[in-house]
PDB file of all heavy atoms in Angstrom:
ATOM      1  N   ALA A   1       0.836  -1.204   0.000  1.00  0.00           N
ATOM      2  CA  ALA A   1       0.000   0.000   0.000  1.00  0.00           C
ATOM      3  C   ALA A   1       0.870   1.253   0.000  1.00  0.00           C
ATOM      4  O   ALA A   1       1.810   1.375   0.779  1.00  0.00           O
ATOM      5  CB  ALA A   1      -0.905  -0.001   1.225  1.00  0.00           C
ATOM      6  N   GLY A   2       0.554   2.171  -0.927  1.00  0.00           N
ATOM      7  CA  GLY A   2       1.307   3.416  -1.028  1.00  0.00           C
ATOM      8  C   GLY A   2       2.482   3.364  -1.971  1.00  0.00           C
ATOM      9  O   GLY A   2       3.075   4.407  -2.283  1.00  0.00           O
ATOM     10  N   LEU A   3       2.823   2.167  -2.461  1.00  0.00           N
ATOM     11  CA  LEU A   3       3.933   2.019  -3.401  1.00  0.00           C
ATOM     12  C   LEU A   3       3.391   1.821  -4.818  1.00  0.00           C
ATOM     13  O   LEU A   3       2.338   1.208  -5.000  1.00  0.00           O
ATOM     14  CB  LEU A   3       4.808   0.814  -3.037  1.00  0.00           C
ATOM     15  CG  LEU A   3       5.452   0.816  -1.654  1.00  0.00           C
ATOM     16  CD1 LEU A   3       6.235  -0.481  -1.450  1.00  0.00           C
ATOM     17  CD2 LEU A   3       6.362   2.023  -1.468  1.00  0.00           C
ATOM     18  N   PRO A   4       4.104   2.311  -5.827  1.00  0.00           N
ATOM     19  CA  PRO A   4       3.672   2.031  -7.198  1.00  0.00           C
ATOM     20  C   PRO A   4       3.844   0.556  -7.511  1.00  0.00           C
ATOM     21  O   PRO A   4       4.724  -0.116  -6.951  1.00  0.00           O
ATOM     22  CB  PRO A   4       4.624   2.891  -8.049  1.00  0.00           C
ATOM     23  CG  PRO A   4       5.850   3.041  -7.204  1.00  0.00           C
ATOM     24  CD  PRO A   4       5.355   3.106  -5.786  1.00  0.00           C
ATOM     25  N   ASP A   5       3.003   0.029  -8.376  1.00  0.00           N
ATOM     26  CA  ASP A   5       3.144  -1.367  -8.790  1.00  0.00           C
ATOM     27  C   ASP A   5       4.438  -1.563  -9.572  1.00  0.00           C
ATOM     28  O   ASP A   5       4.911  -0.635 -10.248  1.00  0.00           O
ATOM     29  CB  ASP A   5       1.969  -1.783  -9.673  1.00  0.00           C
ATOM     30  CG  ASP A   5       0.675  -1.941  -8.889  1.00  0.00           C
ATOM     31  OD1 ASP A   5       0.744  -2.116  -7.654  1.00  0.00           O
ATOM     32  OD2 ASP A   5      -0.401  -1.898  -9.520  1.00  0.00           O
ATOM     33  N   PRO A   6       5.010  -2.760  -9.514  1.00  0.00           N
ATOM     34  CA  PRO A   6       6.213  -3.021 -10.314  1.00  0.00           C
ATOM     35  C   PRO A   6       5.940  -2.827 -11.806  1.00  0.00           C
ATOM     36  O   PRO A   6       4.897  -3.241 -12.315  1.00  0.00           O
ATOM     37  CB  PRO A   6       6.537  -4.493 -10.015  1.00  0.00           C
ATOM     38  CG  PRO A   6       5.884  -4.765  -8.703  1.00  0.00           C
ATOM     39  CD  PRO A   6       4.634  -3.933  -8.698  1.00  0.00           C
ATOM     40  N   GLU A   7       6.871  -2.188 -12.472  1.00  0.00           N
ATOM     41  CA  GLU A   7       6.808  -2.075 -13.930  1.00  0.00           C
ATOM     42  C   GLU A   7       7.669  -3.137 -14.594  1.00  0.00           C
ATOM     43  O   GLU A   7       7.369  -3.583 -15.696  1.00  0.00           O
ATOM     44  CB  GLU A   7       7.275  -0.688 -14.367  1.00  0.00           C
ATOM     45  CG  GLU A   7       6.349   0.435 -13.946  1.00  0.00           C
ATOM     46  CD  GLU A   7       6.865   1.783 -14.417  1.00  0.00           C
ATOM     47  OE1 GLU A   7       7.664   2.411 -13.688  1.00  0.00           O
ATOM     48  OE2 GLU A   7       6.477   2.200 -15.525  1.00  0.00           O
ATOM     49  N   LEU A   8       8.736  -3.530 -13.918  1.00  0.00           N
ATOM     50  CA  LEU A   8       9.660  -4.531 -14.451  1.00  0.00           C
ATOM     51  C   LEU A   8       9.914  -5.580 -13.378  1.00  0.00           C
ATOM     52  O   LEU A   8      10.327  -5.255 -12.268  1.00  0.00           O
ATOM     53  CB  LEU A   8      10.981  -3.871 -14.860  1.00  0.00           C
ATOM     54  CG  LEU A   8      12.140  -4.804 -15.258  1.00  0.00           C
ATOM     55  CD1 LEU A   8      11.761  -5.652 -16.472  1.00  0.00           C
ATOM     56  CD2 LEU A   8      13.404  -3.992 -15.528  1.00  0.00           C
ATOM     57  N   VAL A   9       9.649  -6.842 -13.723  1.00  0.00           N
ATOM     58  CA  VAL A   9       9.944  -7.963 -12.840  1.00  0.00           C
ATOM     59  C   VAL A   9      11.062  -8.783 -13.465  1.00  0.00           C
ATOM     60  O   VAL A   9      10.944  -9.228 -14.612  1.00  0.00           O
ATOM     61  CB  VAL A   9       8.704  -8.856 -12.606  1.00  0.00           C
ATOM     62  CG1 VAL A   9       9.074 -10.084 -11.770  1.00  0.00           C
ATOM     63  CG2 VAL A   9       7.596  -8.069 -11.925  1.00  0.00           C
ATOM     64  N   ILE A  10      12.131  -8.953 -12.721  1.00  0.00           N
ATOM     65  CA  ILE A  10      13.290  -9.714 -13.191  1.00  0.00           C
ATOM     66  C   ILE A  10      13.341 -11.033 -12.434  1.00  0.00           C
ATOM     67  O   ILE A  10      13.305 -11.048 -11.195  1.00  0.00           O
ATOM     68  CB  ILE A  10      14.596  -8.934 -12.953  1.00  0.00           C
ATOM     69  CG1 ILE A  10      14.574  -7.614 -13.719  1.00  0.00           C
ATOM     70  CG2 ILE A  10      15.810  -9.767 -13.330  1.00  0.00           C
ATOM     71  CD1 ILE A  10      15.697  -6.662 -13.334  1.00  0.00           C
ATOM     72  N   ARG A  11      13.410 -12.138 -13.160  1.00  0.00           N
ATOM     73  CA  ARG A  11      13.597 -13.438 -12.509  1.00  0.00           C
ATOM     74  C   ARG A  11      14.861 -14.082 -13.060  1.00  0.00           C
ATOM     75  O   ARG A  11      15.029 -14.221 -14.271  1.00  0.00           O
ATOM     76  CB  ARG A  11      12.411 -14.365 -12.721  1.00  0.00           C
ATOM     77  CG  ARG A  11      12.667 -15.717 -12.047  1.00  0.00           C
ATOM     78  CD  ARG A  11      11.440 -16.451 -11.633  1.00  0.00           C
ATOM     79  NE  ARG A  11      11.805 -17.561 -10.741  1.00  0.00           N
ATOM     80  CZ  ARG A  11      10.960 -18.230  -9.980  1.00  0.00           C
ATOM     81  NH1 ARG A  11       9.694 -17.904  -9.964  1.00  0.00           N
ATOM     82  NH2 ARG A  11      11.376 -19.212  -9.203  1.00  0.00           N
ATOM     83  N   THR A  12      15.733 -14.457 -12.153  1.00  0.00           N
ATOM     84  CA  THR A  12      16.989 -15.093 -12.544  1.00  0.00           C
ATOM     85  C   THR A  12      16.837 -16.612 -12.558  1.00  0.00           C
ATOM     86  O   THR A  12      15.841 -17.165 -12.116  1.00  0.00           O
ATOM     87  CB  THR A  12      18.116 -14.693 -11.577  1.00  0.00           C
ATOM     88  OG1 THR A  12      17.718 -15.010 -10.235  1.00  0.00           O
ATOM     89  CG2 THR A  12      18.402 -13.201 -11.665  1.00  0.00           C
ATOM     90  N   SER A  13      17.849 -17.267 -13.100  1.00  0.00           N
ATOM     91  CA  SER A  13      17.993 -18.734 -13.180  1.00  0.00           C
ATOM     92  C   SER A  13      17.083 -19.397 -14.202  1.00  0.00           C
ATOM     93  O   SER A  13      17.004 -20.620 -14.265  1.00  0.00           O
ATOM     94  CB  SER A  13      17.802 -19.397 -11.807  1.00  0.00           C
ATOM     95  OG  SER A  13      16.451 -19.647 -11.513  1.00  0.00           O
ATOM     96  N   GLY A  14      16.399 -18.597 -15.023  1.00  0.00           N
ATOM     97  CA  GLY A  14      15.647 -19.160 -16.144  1.00  0.00           C
ATOM     98  C   GLY A  14      14.279 -19.708 -15.818  1.00  0.00           C
ATOM     99  O   GLY A  14      13.593 -20.218 -16.714  1.00  0.00           O
ATOM    100  N   GLU A  15      13.844 -19.626 -14.574  1.00  0.00           N
ATOM    101  CA  GLU A  15      12.520 -20.152 -14.221  1.00  0.00           C
ATOM    102  C   GLU A  15      11.427 -19.247 -14.776  1.00  0.00           C
ATOM    103  O   GLU A  15      11.554 -18.027 -14.776  1.00  0.00           O
ATOM    104  CB  GLU A  15      12.381 -20.271 -12.703  1.00  0.00           C
ATOM    105  CG  GLU A  15      13.413 -21.177 -12.058  1.00  0.00           C
ATOM    106  CD  GLU A  15      13.265 -22.638 -12.448  1.00  0.00           C
ATOM    107  OE1 GLU A  15      12.226 -22.999 -13.046  1.00  0.00           O
ATOM    108  OE2 GLU A  15      14.175 -23.434 -12.166  1.00  0.00           O
ATOM    109  N   MET A  16      10.317 -19.875 -15.219  1.00  0.00           N
ATOM    110  CA  MET A  16       9.261 -19.139 -15.909  1.00  0.00           C
ATOM    111  C   MET A  16       7.968 -19.146 -15.092  1.00  0.00           C
ATOM    112  O   MET A  16       6.906 -19.505 -15.577  1.00  0.00           O
ATOM    113  CB  MET A  16       9.020 -19.761 -17.286  1.00  0.00           C
ATOM    114  CG  MET A  16      10.256 -19.867 -18.155  1.00  0.00           C
ATOM    115  SD  MET A  16      10.793 -18.281 -18.821  1.00  0.00           S
ATOM    116  CE  MET A  16       9.570 -18.045 -20.110  1.00  0.00           C
ATOM    117  N   ARG A  17       8.070 -18.746 -13.834  1.00  0.00           N
ATOM    118  CA  ARG A  17       6.883 -18.720 -12.984  1.00  0.00           C
ATOM    119  C   ARG A  17       7.009 -17.595 -11.962  1.00  0.00           C
ATOM    120  O   ARG A  17       8.091 -17.088 -11.720  1.00  0.00           O
ATOM    121  CB  ARG A  17       6.694 -20.061 -12.284  1.00  0.00           C
ATOM    122  CG  ARG A  17       7.873 -20.485 -11.420  1.00  0.00           C
ATOM    123  CD  ARG A  17       7.613 -21.833 -10.741  1.00  0.00           C
ATOM    124  NE  ARG A  17       8.754 -22.231  -9.943  1.00  0.00           N
ATOM    125  CZ  ARG A  17       9.784 -22.931 -10.387  1.00  0.00           C
ATOM    126  NH1 ARG A  17       9.807 -23.312 -11.656  1.00  0.00           N
ATOM    127  NH2 ARG A  17      10.787 -23.270  -9.601  1.00  0.00           N
ATOM    128  N   LEU A  18       5.867 -17.259 -11.333  1.00  0.00           N
ATOM    129  CA  LEU A  18       5.837 -16.180 -10.350  1.00  0.00           C
ATOM    130  C   LEU A  18       6.092 -16.671  -8.928  1.00  0.00           C
ATOM    131  O   LEU A  18       6.446 -15.880  -8.060  1.00  0.00           O
ATOM    132  CB  LEU A  18       4.481 -15.472 -10.392  1.00  0.00           C
ATOM    133  CG  LEU A  18       4.342 -14.365 -11.432  1.00  0.00           C
ATOM    134  CD1 LEU A  18       2.902 -13.872 -11.476  1.00  0.00           C
ATOM    135  CD2 LEU A  18       5.277 -13.213 -11.122  1.00  0.00           C
ATOM    136  N   SER A  19       5.872 -17.949  -8.680  1.00  0.00           N
ATOM    137  CA  SER A  19       6.120 -18.524  -7.359  1.00  0.00           C
ATOM    138  C   SER A  19       5.382 -17.784  -6.242  1.00  0.00           C
ATOM    139  O   SER A  19       5.949 -17.463  -5.201  1.00  0.00           O
ATOM    140  CB  SER A  19       7.630 -18.558  -7.065  1.00  0.00           C
ATOM    141  OG  SER A  19       8.299 -19.376  -7.990  1.00  0.00           O
ATOM    142  N   ASN A  20       4.095 -17.494  -6.493  1.00  0.00           N
ATOM    143  CA  ASN A  20       3.238 -16.891  -5.462  1.00  0.00           C
ATOM    144  C   ASN A  20       3.774 -15.530  -5.020  1.00  0.00           C
ATOM    145  O   ASN A  20       3.751 -15.197  -3.840  1.00  0.00           O
ATOM    146  CB  ASN A  20       3.115 -17.841  -4.256  1.00  0.00           C
ATOM    147  CG  ASN A  20       1.957 -17.494  -3.343  1.00  0.00           C
ATOM    148  OD1 ASN A  20       1.005 -16.826  -3.734  1.00  0.00           O
ATOM    149  ND2 ASN A  20       2.049 -17.936  -2.096  1.00  0.00           N
ATOM    150  N   TYR A  21       4.201 -14.733  -5.979  1.00  0.00           N
ATOM    151  CA  TYR A  21       4.830 -13.441  -5.674  1.00  0.00           C
ATOM    152  C   TYR A  21       4.059 -12.291  -6.302  1.00  0.00           C
ATOM    153  O   TYR A  21       3.878 -12.248  -7.528  1.00  0.00           O
ATOM    154  CB  TYR A  21       6.270 -13.445  -6.189  1.00  0.00           C
ATOM    155  CG  TYR A  21       7.049 -12.183  -5.900  1.00  0.00           C
ATOM    156  CD1 TYR A  21       7.250 -11.741  -4.599  1.00  0.00           C
ATOM    157  CD2 TYR A  21       7.607 -11.443  -6.933  1.00  0.00           C
ATOM    158  CE1 TYR A  21       7.979 -10.592  -4.329  1.00  0.00           C
ATOM    159  CE2 TYR A  21       8.355 -10.290  -6.680  1.00  0.00           C
ATOM    160  CZ  TYR A  21       8.527  -9.872  -5.376  1.00  0.00           C
ATOM    161  OH  TYR A  21       9.251  -8.731  -5.107  1.00  0.00           O
ATOM    162  N   LEU A  22       3.576 -11.366  -5.498  1.00  0.00           N
ATOM    163  CA  LEU A  22       2.944 -10.118  -5.949  1.00  0.00           C
ATOM    164  C   LEU A  22       1.907 -10.345  -7.056  1.00  0.00           C
ATOM    165  O   LEU A  22       1.874  -9.630  -8.058  1.00  0.00           O
ATOM    166  CB  LEU A  22       4.019  -9.133  -6.440  1.00  0.00           C
ATOM    167  CG  LEU A  22       5.062  -8.679  -5.415  1.00  0.00           C
ATOM    168  CD1 LEU A  22       6.006  -7.663  -6.062  1.00  0.00           C
ATOM    169  CD2 LEU A  22       4.419  -8.078  -4.165  1.00  0.00           C
ATOM    170  N   LEU A  23       1.037 -11.339  -6.858  1.00  0.00           N
ATOM    171  CA  LEU A  23       0.088 -11.701  -7.902  1.00  0.00           C
ATOM    172  C   LEU A  23      -0.826 -10.544  -8.301  1.00  0.00           C
ATOM    173  O   LEU A  23      -1.181 -10.394  -9.477  1.00  0.00           O
ATOM    174  CB  LEU A  23      -0.763 -12.896  -7.443  1.00  0.00           C
ATOM    175  CG  LEU A  23       0.012 -14.186  -7.153  1.00  0.00           C
ATOM    176  CD1 LEU A  23      -0.950 -15.277  -6.682  1.00  0.00           C
ATOM    177  CD2 LEU A  23       0.788 -14.650  -8.384  1.00  0.00           C
ATOM    178  N   TRP A  24      -1.225  -9.739  -7.344  1.00  0.00           N
ATOM    179  CA  TRP A  24      -2.074  -8.571  -7.640  1.00  0.00           C
ATOM    180  C   TRP A  24      -1.256  -7.470  -8.305  1.00  0.00           C
ATOM    181  O   TRP A  24      -1.665  -6.887  -9.311  1.00  0.00           O
ATOM    182  CB  TRP A  24      -2.692  -8.067  -6.341  1.00  0.00           C
ATOM    183  CG  TRP A  24      -3.518  -6.814  -6.470  1.00  0.00           C
ATOM    184  CD1 TRP A  24      -3.050  -5.531  -6.560  1.00  0.00           C
ATOM    185  CD2 TRP A  24      -4.940  -6.721  -6.542  1.00  0.00           C
ATOM    186  NE1 TRP A  24      -4.094  -4.640  -6.660  1.00  0.00           N
ATOM    187  CE2 TRP A  24      -5.265  -5.349  -6.652  1.00  0.00           C
ATOM    188  CE3 TRP A  24      -5.965  -7.662  -6.495  1.00  0.00           C
ATOM    189  CZ2 TRP A  24      -6.585  -4.903  -6.730  1.00  0.00           C
ATOM    190  CZ3 TRP A  24      -7.284  -7.215  -6.566  1.00  0.00           C
ATOM    191  CH2 TRP A  24      -7.580  -5.862  -6.695  1.00  0.00           C
ATOM    192  N   GLN A  25      -0.098  -7.184  -7.767  1.00  0.00           N
ATOM    193  CA  GLN A  25       0.673  -6.001  -8.140  1.00  0.00           C
ATOM    194  C   GLN A  25       1.309  -6.092  -9.531  1.00  0.00           C
ATOM    195  O   GLN A  25       1.585  -5.064 -10.146  1.00  0.00           O
ATOM    196  CB  GLN A  25       1.760  -5.736  -7.100  1.00  0.00           C
ATOM    197  CG  GLN A  25       1.240  -5.404  -5.705  1.00  0.00           C
ATOM    198  CD  GLN A  25       1.026  -6.641  -4.840  1.00  0.00           C
ATOM    199  OE1 GLN A  25       0.849  -7.752  -5.331  1.00  0.00           O
ATOM    200  NE2 GLN A  25       1.064  -6.454  -3.531  1.00  0.00           N
ATOM    201  N   VAL A  26       1.564  -7.285 -10.033  1.00  0.00           N
ATOM    202  CA  VAL A  26       2.287  -7.403 -11.310  1.00  0.00           C
ATOM    203  C   VAL A  26       1.343  -7.577 -12.497  1.00  0.00           C
ATOM    204  O   VAL A  26       1.759  -8.006 -13.572  1.00  0.00           O
ATOM    205  CB  VAL A  26       3.304  -8.563 -11.273  1.00  0.00           C
ATOM    206  CG1 VAL A  26       4.317  -8.354 -10.161  1.00  0.00           C
ATOM    207  CG2 VAL A  26       2.620  -9.928 -11.149  1.00  0.00           C
ATOM    208  N   ALA A  27       0.091  -7.187 -12.331  1.00  0.00           N
ATOM    209  CA  ALA A  27      -0.901  -7.382 -13.390  1.00  0.00           C
ATOM    210  C   ALA A  27      -0.456  -6.822 -14.728  1.00  0.00           C
ATOM    211  O   ALA A  27      -0.738  -7.398 -15.785  1.00  0.00           O
ATOM    212  CB  ALA A  27      -2.233  -6.761 -12.967  1.00  0.00           C
ATOM    213  N   TYR A  28       0.262  -5.692 -14.723  1.00  0.00           N
ATOM    214  CA  TYR A  28       0.713  -5.080 -15.974  1.00  0.00           C
ATOM    215  C   TYR A  28       2.228  -4.898 -16.017  1.00  0.00           C
ATOM    216  O   TYR A  28       2.742  -4.052 -16.757  1.00  0.00           O
ATOM    217  CB  TYR A  28       0.000  -3.741 -16.205  1.00  0.00           C
ATOM    218  CG  TYR A  28      -1.402  -3.925 -16.723  1.00  0.00           C
ATOM    219  CD1 TYR A  28      -2.498  -3.804 -15.876  1.00  0.00           C
ATOM    220  CD2 TYR A  28      -1.643  -4.272 -18.053  1.00  0.00           C
ATOM    221  CE1 TYR A  28      -3.789  -4.001 -16.335  1.00  0.00           C
ATOM    222  CE2 TYR A  28      -2.912  -4.473 -18.525  1.00  0.00           C
ATOM    223  CZ  TYR A  28      -3.993  -4.336 -17.666  1.00  0.00           C
ATOM    224  OH  TYR A  28      -5.270  -4.546 -18.131  1.00  0.00           O
ATOM    225  N   ALA A  29       2.941  -5.689 -15.251  1.00  0.00           N
ATOM    226  CA  ALA A  29       4.402  -5.608 -15.262  1.00  0.00           C
ATOM    227  C   ALA A  29       4.972  -6.289 -16.494  1.00  0.00           C
ATOM    228  O   ALA A  29       4.369  -7.204 -17.064  1.00  0.00           O
ATOM    229  CB  ALA A  29       4.969  -6.261 -14.003  1.00  0.00           C
ATOM    230  N   GLU A  30       6.133  -5.826 -16.907  1.00  0.00           N
ATOM    231  CA  GLU A  30       6.901  -6.494 -17.951  1.00  0.00           C
ATOM    232  C   GLU A  30       7.859  -7.479 -17.268  1.00  0.00           C
ATOM    233  O   GLU A  30       8.456  -7.174 -16.231  1.00  0.00           O
ATOM    234  CB  GLU A  30       7.706  -5.483 -18.767  1.00  0.00           C
ATOM    235  CG  GLU A  30       6.862  -4.477 -19.527  1.00  0.00           C
ATOM    236  CD  GLU A  30       6.076  -5.109 -20.663  1.00  0.00           C
ATOM    237  OE1 GLU A  30       6.563  -6.104 -21.239  1.00  0.00           O
ATOM    238  OE2 GLU A  30       4.970  -4.610 -20.965  1.00  0.00           O
ATOM    239  N   PHE A  31       8.010  -8.662 -17.863  1.00  0.00           N
ATOM    240  CA  PHE A  31       8.867  -9.692 -17.276  1.00  0.00           C
ATOM    241  C   PHE A  31      10.165  -9.835 -18.063  1.00  0.00           C
ATOM    242  O   PHE A  31      10.161  -9.775 -19.297  1.00  0.00           O
ATOM    243  CB  PHE A  31       8.136 -11.032 -17.233  1.00  0.00           C
ATOM    244  CG  PHE A  31       7.028 -11.058 -16.228  1.00  0.00           C
ATOM    245  CD1 PHE A  31       5.764 -10.564 -16.545  1.00  0.00           C
ATOM    246  CD2 PHE A  31       7.233 -11.554 -14.958  1.00  0.00           C
ATOM    247  CE1 PHE A  31       4.740 -10.561 -15.620  1.00  0.00           C
ATOM    248  CE2 PHE A  31       6.213 -11.566 -14.016  1.00  0.00           C
ATOM    249  CZ  PHE A  31       4.972 -11.064 -14.358  1.00  0.00           C
ATOM    250  N   TYR A  32      11.235  -9.993 -17.325  1.00  0.00           N
ATOM    251  CA  TYR A  32      12.554 -10.230 -17.926  1.00  0.00           C
ATOM    252  C   TYR A  32      13.139 -11.464 -17.257  1.00  0.00           C
ATOM    253  O   TYR A  32      13.403 -11.467 -16.055  1.00  0.00           O
ATOM    254  CB  TYR A  32      13.465  -9.019 -17.712  1.00  0.00           C
ATOM    255  CG  TYR A  32      14.851  -9.168 -18.320  1.00  0.00           C
ATOM    256  CD1 TYR A  32      15.075  -8.839 -19.660  1.00  0.00           C
ATOM    257  CD2 TYR A  32      15.923  -9.612 -17.555  1.00  0.00           C
ATOM    258  CE1 TYR A  32      16.338  -8.973 -20.217  1.00  0.00           C
ATOM    259  CE2 TYR A  32      17.188  -9.740 -18.111  1.00  0.00           C
ATOM    260  CZ  TYR A  32      17.390  -9.419 -19.443  1.00  0.00           C
ATOM    261  OH  TYR A  32      18.647  -9.551 -19.993  1.00  0.00           O
ATOM    262  N   ILE A  33      13.303 -12.520 -18.038  1.00  0.00           N
ATOM    263  CA  ILE A  33      13.824 -13.782 -17.533  1.00  0.00           C
ATOM    264  C   ILE A  33      15.242 -13.975 -18.060  1.00  0.00           C
ATOM    265  O   ILE A  33      15.496 -13.837 -19.259  1.00  0.00           O
ATOM    266  CB  ILE A  33      12.961 -14.976 -17.988  1.00  0.00           C
ATOM    267  CG1 ILE A  33      11.480 -14.716 -17.702  1.00  0.00           C
ATOM    268  CG2 ILE A  33      13.431 -16.260 -17.315  1.00  0.00           C
ATOM    269  CD1 ILE A  33      11.124 -14.554 -16.256  1.00  0.00           C
ATOM    270  N   THR A  34      16.167 -14.260 -17.150  1.00  0.00           N
ATOM    271  CA  THR A  34      17.540 -14.526 -17.544  1.00  0.00           C
ATOM    272  C   THR A  34      17.992 -15.858 -16.961  1.00  0.00           C
ATOM    273  O   THR A  34      17.596 -16.232 -15.858  1.00  0.00           O
ATOM    274  CB  THR A  34      18.490 -13.406 -17.075  1.00  0.00           C
ATOM    275  OG1 THR A  34      19.839 -13.775 -17.367  1.00  0.00           O
ATOM    276  CG2 THR A  34      18.360 -13.140 -15.586  1.00  0.00           C
TER     277      THR A  34
END
């Protein structure tokens, strides 16, 4: 509450899932997987 939603979500190690993380807040985030 009071923080802007993430615009960029970075996930390392190549995994392609959110793992129960910020499900509401990342509705319009861009994802970068490395």
